[in-house]
Amino acid sequence: RPGITGWAQVNGRNAISWKKKFELDVWYVDHCSF
């Protein structure tokens, strides 16, 4: 599910490139945990 916040948001948010955001998002999918 999409989130209100995410791994990309705490690692740059709007200050990083879309490509970097997508990489961080996929990393989260692979490492999701409590």
PDB file of all heavy atoms in Angstrom:
ATOM      1  N   ARG A   1       0.839  -1.195   0.000  1.00  0.00           N
ATOM      2  CA  ARG A   1       0.000   0.000   0.000  1.00  0.00           C
ATOM      3  C   ARG A   1       0.878   1.249   0.000  1.00  0.00           C
ATOM      4  O   ARG A   1       1.914   1.286   0.674  1.00  0.00           O
ATOM      5  CB  ARG A   1      -0.908   0.026   1.231  1.00  0.00           C
ATOM      6  CG  ARG A   1      -2.069  -0.947   1.192  1.00  0.00           C
ATOM      7  CD  ARG A   1      -2.979  -0.741   2.399  1.00  0.00           C
ATOM      8  NE  ARG A   1      -4.132  -1.631   2.371  1.00  0.00           N
ATOM      9  CZ  ARG A   1      -4.144  -2.859   2.875  1.00  0.00           C
ATOM     10  NH1 ARG A   1      -3.049  -3.328   3.474  1.00  0.00           N
ATOM     11  NH2 ARG A   1      -5.222  -3.611   2.796  1.00  0.00           N
ATOM     12  N   PRO A   2       0.474   2.299  -0.716  1.00  0.00           N
ATOM     13  CA  PRO A   2       1.214   3.568  -0.646  1.00  0.00           C
ATOM     14  C   PRO A   2       1.085   4.162   0.747  1.00  0.00           C
ATOM     15  O   PRO A   2       0.144   3.848   1.481  1.00  0.00           O
ATOM     16  CB  PRO A   2       0.524   4.431  -1.705  1.00  0.00           C
ATOM     17  CG  PRO A   2      -0.859   3.866  -1.805  1.00  0.00           C
ATOM     18  CD  PRO A   2      -0.709   2.375  -1.580  1.00  0.00           C
ATOM     19  N   GLY A   3       2.021   5.022   1.116  1.00  0.00           N
ATOM     20  CA  GLY A   3       2.033   5.555   2.471  1.00  0.00           C
ATOM     21  C   GLY A   3       1.979   7.068   2.544  1.00  0.00           C
ATOM     22  O   GLY A   3       2.250   7.769   1.563  1.00  0.00           O
ATOM     23  N   ILE A   4       1.639   7.571   3.726  1.00  0.00           N
ATOM     24  CA  ILE A   4       1.679   9.009   3.980  1.00  0.00           C
ATOM     25  C   ILE A   4       3.124   9.478   4.022  1.00  0.00           C
ATOM     26  O   ILE A   4       3.458  10.576   3.572  1.00  0.00           O
ATOM     27  CB  ILE A   4       0.955   9.346   5.296  1.00  0.00           C
ATOM     28  CG1 ILE A   4      -0.541   9.020   5.177  1.00  0.00           C
ATOM     29  CG2 ILE A   4       1.143  10.815   5.663  1.00  0.00           C
ATOM     30  CD1 ILE A   4      -1.334   9.273   6.437  1.00  0.00           C
ATOM     31  N   THR A   5       3.983   8.646   4.557  1.00  0.00           N
ATOM     32  CA  THR A   5       5.417   8.906   4.536  1.00  0.00           C
ATOM     33  C   THR A   5       6.118   7.623   4.102  1.00  0.00           C
ATOM     34  O   THR A   5       5.501   6.557   4.053  1.00  0.00           O
ATOM     35  CB  THR A   5       5.932   9.364   5.911  1.00  0.00           C
ATOM     36  OG1 THR A   5       7.322   9.739   5.785  1.00  0.00           O
ATOM     37  CG2 THR A   5       5.810   8.259   6.952  1.00  0.00           C
ATOM     38  N   GLY A   6       7.384   7.739   3.770  1.00  0.00           N
ATOM     39  CA  GLY A   6       8.101   6.564   3.288  1.00  0.00           C
ATOM     40  C   GLY A   6       9.608   6.721   3.372  1.00  0.00           C
ATOM     41  O   GLY A   6      10.116   7.756   3.821  1.00  0.00           O
ATOM     42  N   TRP A   7      10.309   5.707   2.917  1.00  0.00           N
ATOM     43  CA  TRP A   7      11.767   5.692   2.980  1.00  0.00           C
ATOM     44  C   TRP A   7      12.362   6.820   2.134  1.00  0.00           C
ATOM     45  O   TRP A   7      13.352   7.435   2.506  1.00  0.00           O
ATOM     46  CB  TRP A   7      12.275   4.335   2.510  1.00  0.00           C
ATOM     47  CG  TRP A   7      13.733   4.078   2.718  1.00  0.00           C
ATOM     48  CD1 TRP A   7      14.639   3.702   1.775  1.00  0.00           C
ATOM     49  CD2 TRP A   7      14.477   4.143   3.955  1.00  0.00           C
ATOM     50  NE1 TRP A   7      15.889   3.526   2.328  1.00  0.00           N
ATOM     51  CE2 TRP A   7      15.815   3.797   3.678  1.00  0.00           C
ATOM     52  CE3 TRP A   7      14.129   4.466   5.270  1.00  0.00           C
ATOM     53  CZ2 TRP A   7      16.807   3.762   4.641  1.00  0.00           C
ATOM     54  CZ3 TRP A   7      15.122   4.432   6.250  1.00  0.00           C
ATOM     55  CH2 TRP A   7      16.436   4.085   5.933  1.00  0.00           C
ATOM     56  N   ALA A   8      11.748   7.113   0.993  1.00  0.00           N
ATOM     57  CA  ALA A   8      12.244   8.210   0.147  1.00  0.00           C
ATOM     58  C   ALA A   8      12.034   9.560   0.818  1.00  0.00           C
ATOM     59  O   ALA A   8      12.844  10.473   0.671  1.00  0.00           O
ATOM     60  CB  ALA A   8      11.540   8.179  -1.208  1.00  0.00           C
ATOM     61  N   GLN A   9      10.935   9.689   1.575  1.00  0.00           N
ATOM     62  CA  GLN A   9      10.629  10.968   2.214  1.00  0.00           C
ATOM     63  C   GLN A   9      11.610  11.294   3.333  1.00  0.00           C
ATOM     64  O   GLN A   9      11.902  12.461   3.575  1.00  0.00           O
ATOM     65  CB  GLN A   9       9.200  10.953   2.770  1.00  0.00           C
ATOM     66  CG  GLN A   9       8.123  11.188   1.723  1.00  0.00           C
ATOM     67  CD  GLN A   9       8.147  10.157   0.614  1.00  0.00           C
ATOM     68  OE1 GLN A   9       8.081   8.956   0.872  1.00  0.00           O
ATOM     69  NE2 GLN A   9       8.260  10.603  -0.620  1.00  0.00           N
ATOM     70  N   VAL A  10      12.121  10.302   4.016  1.00  0.00           N
ATOM     71  CA  VAL A  10      13.081  10.572   5.097  1.00  0.00           C
ATOM     72  C   VAL A  10      14.511  10.556   4.592  1.00  0.00           C
ATOM     73  O   VAL A  10      15.450  10.730   5.364  1.00  0.00           O
ATOM     74  CB  VAL A  10      12.916   9.565   6.268  1.00  0.00           C
ATOM     75  CG1 VAL A  10      11.527   9.685   6.868  1.00  0.00           C
ATOM     76  CG2 VAL A  10      13.192   8.135   5.834  1.00  0.00           C
ATOM     77  N   ASN A  11      14.672  10.353   3.284  1.00  0.00           N
ATOM     78  CA  ASN A  11      16.010  10.374   2.682  1.00  0.00           C
ATOM     79  C   ASN A  11      16.107  11.405   1.564  1.00  0.00           C
ATOM     80  O   ASN A  11      16.775  11.195   0.551  1.00  0.00           O
ATOM     81  CB  ASN A  11      16.361   8.990   2.132  1.00  0.00           C
ATOM     82  CG  ASN A  11      16.772   8.023   3.218  1.00  0.00           C
ATOM     83  OD1 ASN A  11      17.890   8.061   3.723  1.00  0.00           O
ATOM     84  ND2 ASN A  11      15.844   7.155   3.606  1.00  0.00           N
ATOM     85  N   GLY A  12      15.405  12.527   1.773  1.00  0.00           N
ATOM     86  CA  GLY A  12      15.518  13.594   0.799  1.00  0.00           C
ATOM     87  C   GLY A  12      14.217  14.242   0.384  1.00  0.00           C
ATOM     88  O   GLY A  12      14.183  15.394  -0.006  1.00  0.00           O
ATOM     89  N   ARG A  13      13.127  13.469   0.400  1.00  0.00           N
ATOM     90  CA  ARG A  13      11.806  13.978   0.038  1.00  0.00           C
ATOM     91  C   ARG A  13      11.851  14.697  -1.309  1.00  0.00           C
ATOM     92  O   ARG A  13      12.262  14.128  -2.300  1.00  0.00           O
ATOM     93  CB  ARG A  13      11.279  14.893   1.151  1.00  0.00           C
ATOM     94  CG  ARG A  13       9.769  15.126   1.083  1.00  0.00           C
ATOM     95  CD  ARG A  13       9.260  15.932   2.251  1.00  0.00           C
ATOM     96  NE  ARG A  13       7.828  16.187   2.145  1.00  0.00           N
ATOM     97  CZ  ARG A  13       7.120  16.812   3.058  1.00  0.00           C
ATOM     98  NH1 ARG A  13       7.695  17.237   4.168  1.00  0.00           N
ATOM     99  NH2 ARG A  13       5.824  17.021   2.887  1.00  0.00           N
ATOM    100  N   ASN A  14      11.418  15.957  -1.386  1.00  0.00           N
ATOM    101  CA  ASN A  14      11.352  16.668  -2.658  1.00  0.00           C
ATOM    102  C   ASN A  14      12.699  17.200  -3.132  1.00  0.00           C
ATOM    103  O   ASN A  14      12.796  17.757  -4.227  1.00  0.00           O
ATOM    104  CB  ASN A  14      10.369  17.843  -2.551  1.00  0.00           C
ATOM    105  CG  ASN A  14       8.945  17.364  -2.335  1.00  0.00           C
ATOM    106  OD1 ASN A  14       8.626  16.213  -2.588  1.00  0.00           O
ATOM    107  ND2 ASN A  14       8.091  18.248  -1.855  1.00  0.00           N
ATOM    108  N   ALA A  15      13.740  17.029  -2.315  1.00  0.00           N
ATOM    109  CA  ALA A  15      15.048  17.551  -2.675  1.00  0.00           C
ATOM    110  C   ALA A  15      15.885  16.555  -3.488  1.00  0.00           C
ATOM    111  O   ALA A  15      16.989  16.882  -3.911  1.00  0.00           O
ATOM    112  CB  ALA A  15      15.815  17.961  -1.412  1.00  0.00           C
ATOM    113  N   ILE A  16      15.371  15.335  -3.726  1.00  0.00           N
ATOM    114  CA  ILE A  16      16.118  14.339  -4.496  1.00  0.00           C
ATOM    115  C   ILE A  16      15.409  14.056  -5.817  1.00  0.00           C
ATOM    116  O   ILE A  16      14.247  14.421  -6.007  1.00  0.00           O
ATOM    117  CB  ILE A  16      16.299  13.026  -3.703  1.00  0.00           C
ATOM    118  CG1 ILE A  16      14.935  12.417  -3.338  1.00  0.00           C
ATOM    119  CG2 ILE A  16      17.127  13.271  -2.449  1.00  0.00           C
ATOM    120  CD1 ILE A  16      15.025  11.071  -2.630  1.00  0.00           C
ATOM    121  N   SER A  17      16.108  13.412  -6.730  1.00  0.00           N
ATOM    122  CA  SER A  17      15.552  13.146  -8.053  1.00  0.00           C
ATOM    123  C   SER A  17      14.481  12.065  -7.989  1.00  0.00           C
ATOM    124  O   SER A  17      14.419  11.266  -7.041  1.00  0.00           O
ATOM    125  CB  SER A  17      16.665  12.698  -9.006  1.00  0.00           C
ATOM    126  OG  SER A  17      17.144  11.414  -8.631  1.00  0.00           O
ATOM    127  N   TRP A  18      13.627  12.032  -9.018  1.00  0.00           N
ATOM    128  CA  TRP A  18      12.618  10.986  -9.104  1.00  0.00           C
ATOM    129  C   TRP A  18      13.274   9.613  -9.178  1.00  0.00           C
ATOM    130  O   TRP A  18      12.790   8.655  -8.574  1.00  0.00           O
ATOM    131  CB  TRP A  18      11.742  11.216 -10.335  1.00  0.00           C
ATOM    132  CG  TRP A  18      10.716  12.276 -10.151  1.00  0.00           C
ATOM    133  CD1 TRP A  18      10.781  13.577 -10.568  1.00  0.00           C
ATOM    134  CD2 TRP A  18       9.456  12.148  -9.488  1.00  0.00           C
ATOM    135  NE1 TRP A  18       9.651  14.249 -10.209  1.00  0.00           N
ATOM    136  CE2 TRP A  18       8.810  13.398  -9.554  1.00  0.00           C
ATOM    137  CE3 TRP A  18       8.812  11.092  -8.846  1.00  0.00           C
ATOM    138  CZ2 TRP A  18       7.551  13.619  -9.005  1.00  0.00           C
ATOM    139  CZ3 TRP A  18       7.551  11.305  -8.309  1.00  0.00           C
ATOM    140  CH2 TRP A  18       6.943  12.557  -8.383  1.00  0.00           C
ATOM    141  N   LYS A  19      14.347   9.504  -9.933  1.00  0.00           N
ATOM    142  CA  LYS A  19      15.027   8.212 -10.061  1.00  0.00           C
ATOM    143  C   LYS A  19      15.462   7.691  -8.698  1.00  0.00           C
ATOM    144  O   LYS A  19      15.290   6.504  -8.383  1.00  0.00           O
ATOM    145  CB  LYS A  19      16.242   8.349 -10.986  1.00  0.00           C
ATOM    146  CG  LYS A  19      16.997   7.042 -11.186  1.00  0.00           C
ATOM    147  CD  LYS A  19      18.195   7.236 -12.115  1.00  0.00           C
ATOM    148  CE  LYS A  19      18.958   5.926 -12.283  1.00  0.00           C
ATOM    149  NZ  LYS A  19      20.146   6.089 -13.163  1.00  0.00           N
ATOM    150  N   LYS A  20      16.021   8.572  -7.876  1.00  0.00           N
ATOM    151  CA  LYS A  20      16.465   8.174  -6.540  1.00  0.00           C
ATOM    152  C   LYS A  20      15.272   7.790  -5.671  1.00  0.00           C
ATOM    153  O   LYS A  20      15.326   6.817  -4.903  1.00  0.00           O
ATOM    154  CB  LYS A  20      17.242   9.327  -5.886  1.00  0.00           C
ATOM    155  CG  LYS A  20      17.836   8.969  -4.520  1.00  0.00           C
ATOM    156  CD  LYS A  20      18.840   7.828  -4.635  1.00  0.00           C
ATOM    157  CE  LYS A  20      19.481   7.543  -3.288  1.00  0.00           C
ATOM    158  NZ  LYS A  20      20.429   6.399  -3.358  1.00  0.00           N
ATOM    159  N   LYS A  21      14.165   8.532  -5.788  1.00  0.00           N
ATOM    160  CA  LYS A  21      12.964   8.197  -5.022  1.00  0.00           C
ATOM    161  C   LYS A  21      12.474   6.794  -5.363  1.00  0.00           C
ATOM    162  O   LYS A  21      12.133   6.009  -4.475  1.00  0.00           O
ATOM    163  CB  LYS A  21      11.852   9.202  -5.314  1.00  0.00           C
ATOM    164  CG  LYS A  21      12.048  10.578  -4.725  1.00  0.00           C
ATOM    165  CD  LYS A  21      10.872  11.460  -5.113  1.00  0.00           C
ATOM    166  CE  LYS A  21      11.110  12.891  -4.678  1.00  0.00           C
ATOM    167  NZ  LYS A  21      10.016  13.783  -5.092  1.00  0.00           N
ATOM    168  N   PHE A  22      12.445   6.472  -6.660  1.00  0.00           N
ATOM    169  CA  PHE A  22      11.967   5.164  -7.082  1.00  0.00           C
ATOM    170  C   PHE A  22      12.874   4.052  -6.544  1.00  0.00           C
ATOM    171  O   PHE A  22      12.395   2.988  -6.131  1.00  0.00           O
ATOM    172  CB  PHE A  22      11.904   5.093  -8.606  1.00  0.00           C
ATOM    173  CG  PHE A  22      10.850   5.995  -9.209  1.00  0.00           C
ATOM    174  CD1 PHE A  22      11.032   6.535 -10.475  1.00  0.00           C
ATOM    175  CD2 PHE A  22       9.693   6.296  -8.522  1.00  0.00           C
ATOM    176  CE1 PHE A  22      10.066   7.365 -11.037  1.00  0.00           C
ATOM    177  CE2 PHE A  22       8.722   7.121  -9.068  1.00  0.00           C
ATOM    178  CZ  PHE A  22       8.912   7.660 -10.333  1.00  0.00           C
ATOM    179  N   GLU A  23      14.178   4.291  -6.545  1.00  0.00           N
ATOM    180  CA  GLU A  23      15.125   3.300  -6.016  1.00  0.00           C
ATOM    181  C   GLU A  23      14.881   3.074  -4.526  1.00  0.00           C
ATOM    182  O   GLU A  23      14.894   1.935  -4.044  1.00  0.00           O
ATOM    183  CB  GLU A  23      16.563   3.775  -6.249  1.00  0.00           C
ATOM    184  CG  GLU A  23      16.990   3.776  -7.711  1.00  0.00           C
ATOM    185  CD  GLU A  23      18.368   4.389  -7.905  1.00  0.00           C
ATOM    186  OE1 GLU A  23      18.929   4.908  -6.904  1.00  0.00           O
ATOM    187  OE2 GLU A  23      18.869   4.363  -9.036  1.00  0.00           O
ATOM    188  N   LEU A  24      14.659   4.151  -3.785  1.00  0.00           N
ATOM    189  CA  LEU A  24      14.412   4.043  -2.349  1.00  0.00           C
ATOM    190  C   LEU A  24      13.077   3.357  -2.066  1.00  0.00           C
ATOM    191  O   LEU A  24      12.954   2.593  -1.100  1.00  0.00           O
ATOM    192  CB  LEU A  24      14.437   5.435  -1.712  1.00  0.00           C
ATOM    193  CG  LEU A  24      15.802   6.131  -1.687  1.00  0.00           C
ATOM    194  CD1 LEU A  24      15.655   7.585  -1.270  1.00  0.00           C
ATOM    195  CD2 LEU A  24      16.766   5.403  -0.757  1.00  0.00           C
ATOM    196  N   ASP A  25      12.083   3.616  -2.906  1.00  0.00           N
ATOM    197  CA  ASP A  25      10.777   2.976  -2.735  1.00  0.00           C
ATOM    198  C   ASP A  25      10.871   1.460  -2.904  1.00  0.00           C
ATOM    199  O   ASP A  25      10.294   0.692  -2.126  1.00  0.00           O
ATOM    200  CB  ASP A  25       9.777   3.530  -3.753  1.00  0.00           C
ATOM    201  CG  ASP A  25       9.313   4.938  -3.405  1.00  0.00           C
ATOM    202  OD1 ASP A  25       9.454   5.327  -2.230  1.00  0.00           O
ATOM    203  OD2 ASP A  25       8.807   5.626  -4.311  1.00  0.00           O
ATOM    204  N   VAL A  26      11.595   1.023  -3.928  1.00  0.00           N
ATOM    205  CA  VAL A  26      11.751  -0.413  -4.163  1.00  0.00           C
ATOM    206  C   VAL A  26      12.558  -1.043  -3.029  1.00  0.00           C
ATOM    207  O   VAL A  26      12.268  -2.172  -2.604  1.00  0.00           O
ATOM    208  CB  VAL A  26      12.417  -0.672  -5.532  1.00  0.00           C
ATOM    209  CG1 VAL A  26      12.750  -2.155  -5.696  1.00  0.00           C
ATOM    210  CG2 VAL A  26      11.493  -0.224  -6.655  1.00  0.00           C
ATOM    211  N   TRP A  27      13.546  -0.322  -2.526  1.00  0.00           N
ATOM    212  CA  TRP A  27      14.323  -0.829  -1.384  1.00  0.00           C
ATOM    213  C   TRP A  27      13.387  -1.060  -0.202  1.00  0.00           C
ATOM    214  O   TRP A  27      13.496  -2.075   0.492  1.00  0.00           O
ATOM    215  CB  TRP A  27      15.418   0.163  -1.005  1.00  0.00           C
ATOM    216  CG  TRP A  27      16.334  -0.352   0.066  1.00  0.00           C
ATOM    217  CD1 TRP A  27      17.515  -1.027  -0.095  1.00  0.00           C
ATOM    218  CD2 TRP A  27      16.135  -0.261   1.498  1.00  0.00           C
ATOM    219  NE1 TRP A  27      18.059  -1.356   1.125  1.00  0.00           N
ATOM    220  CE2 TRP A  27      17.238  -0.907   2.118  1.00  0.00           C
ATOM    221  CE3 TRP A  27      15.146   0.291   2.297  1.00  0.00           C
ATOM    222  CZ2 TRP A  27      17.361  -0.996   3.500  1.00  0.00           C
ATOM    223  CZ3 TRP A  27      15.265   0.191   3.682  1.00  0.00           C
ATOM    224  CH2 TRP A  27      16.366  -0.436   4.265  1.00  0.00           C
ATOM    225  N   TYR A  28      12.462  -0.133   0.027  1.00  0.00           N
ATOM    226  CA  TYR A  28      11.516  -0.303   1.131  1.00  0.00           C
ATOM    227  C   TYR A  28      10.650  -1.546   0.929  1.00  0.00           C
ATOM    228  O   TYR A  28      10.421  -2.311   1.875  1.00  0.00           O
ATOM    229  CB  TYR A  28      10.615   0.931   1.271  1.00  0.00           C
ATOM    230  CG  TYR A  28       9.515   0.718   2.288  1.00  0.00           C
ATOM    231  CD1 TYR A  28       9.765   0.859   3.647  1.00  0.00           C
ATOM    232  CD2 TYR A  28       8.236   0.321   1.888  1.00  0.00           C
ATOM    233  CE1 TYR A  28       8.767   0.627   4.587  1.00  0.00           C
ATOM    234  CE2 TYR A  28       7.234   0.083   2.816  1.00  0.00           C
ATOM    235  CZ  TYR A  28       7.511   0.238   4.161  1.00  0.00           C
ATOM    236  OH  TYR A  28       6.530  -0.015   5.086  1.00  0.00           O
ATOM    237  N   VAL A  29      10.164  -1.746  -0.285  1.00  0.00           N
ATOM    238  CA  VAL A  29       9.327  -2.919  -0.573  1.00  0.00           C
ATOM    239  C   VAL A  29      10.073  -4.203  -0.204  1.00  0.00           C
ATOM    240  O   VAL A  29       9.487  -5.143   0.344  1.00  0.00           O
ATOM    241  CB  VAL A  29       8.912  -2.944  -2.059  1.00  0.00           C
ATOM    242  CG1 VAL A  29       8.232  -4.267  -2.415  1.00  0.00           C
ATOM    243  CG2 VAL A  29       7.978  -1.780  -2.362  1.00  0.00           C
ATOM    244  N   ASP A  30      11.358  -4.240  -0.484  1.00  0.00           N
ATOM    245  CA  ASP A  30      12.153  -5.435  -0.210  1.00  0.00           C
ATOM    246  C   ASP A  30      12.533  -5.599   1.256  1.00  0.00           C
ATOM    247  O   ASP A  30      12.918  -6.687   1.681  1.00  0.00           O
ATOM    248  CB  ASP A  30      13.448  -5.410  -1.046  1.00  0.00           C
ATOM    249  CG  ASP A  30      13.192  -5.698  -2.517  1.00  0.00           C
ATOM    250  OD1 ASP A  30      12.180  -6.349  -2.826  1.00  0.00           O
ATOM    251  OD2 ASP A  30      14.007  -5.272  -3.356  1.00  0.00           O
ATOM    252  N   HIS A  31      12.457  -4.525   2.037  1.00  0.00           N
ATOM    253  CA  HIS A  31      12.928  -4.573   3.426  1.00  0.00           C
ATOM    254  C   HIS A  31      11.870  -4.174   4.446  1.00  0.00           C
ATOM    255  O   HIS A  31      12.189  -3.931   5.615  1.00  0.00           O
ATOM    256  CB  HIS A  31      14.153  -3.666   3.593  1.00  0.00           C
ATOM    257  CG  HIS A  31      15.335  -4.071   2.768  1.00  0.00           C
ATOM    258  ND1 HIS A  31      15.481  -3.705   1.442  1.00  0.00           N
ATOM    259  CD2 HIS A  31      16.416  -4.835   3.063  1.00  0.00           C
ATOM    260  CE1 HIS A  31      16.604  -4.204   0.968  1.00  0.00           C
ATOM    261  NE2 HIS A  31      17.185  -4.897   1.917  1.00  0.00           N
ATOM    262  N   CYS A  32      10.619  -4.110   4.028  1.00  0.00           N
ATOM    263  CA  CYS A  32       9.530  -3.684   4.914  1.00  0.00           C
ATOM    264  C   CYS A  32       9.505  -4.502   6.207  1.00  0.00           C
ATOM    265  O   CYS A  32       9.523  -5.730   6.182  1.00  0.00           O
ATOM    266  CB  CYS A  32       8.198  -3.825   4.174  1.00  0.00           C
ATOM    267  SG  CYS A  32       6.752  -3.435   5.166  1.00  0.00           S
ATOM    268  N   SER A  33       9.458  -3.805   7.332  1.00  0.00           N
ATOM    269  CA  SER A  33       9.387  -4.471   8.632  1.00  0.00           C
ATOM    270  C   SER A  33       8.827  -3.492   9.655  1.00  0.00           C
ATOM    271  O   SER A  33       8.780  -2.282   9.424  1.00  0.00           O
ATOM    272  CB  SER A  33      10.769  -4.954   9.085  1.00  0.00           C
ATOM    273  OG  SER A  33      11.597  -3.855   9.433  1.00  0.00           O
ATOM    274  N   PHE A  34       8.413  -4.013  10.805  1.00  0.00           N
ATOM    275  CA  PHE A  34       7.873  -3.178  11.866  1.00  0.00           C
ATOM    276  C   PHE A  34       8.914  -2.188  12.367  1.00  0.00           C
ATOM    277  O   PHE A  34       8.638  -0.998  12.541  1.00  0.00           O
ATOM    278  CB  PHE A  34       7.379  -4.056  13.017  1.00  0.00           C
ATOM    279  CG  PHE A  34       6.849  -3.273  14.192  1.00  0.00           C
ATOM    280  CD1 PHE A  34       5.695  -2.520  14.080  1.00  0.00           C
ATOM    281  CD2 PHE A  34       7.516  -3.295  15.414  1.00  0.00           C
ATOM    282  CE1 PHE A  34       5.198  -1.792  15.166  1.00  0.00           C
ATOM    283  CE2 PHE A  34       7.035  -2.575  16.496  1.00  0.00           C
ATOM    284  CZ  PHE A  34       5.869  -1.825  16.372  1.00  0.00           C
TER     285      PHE A  34
END
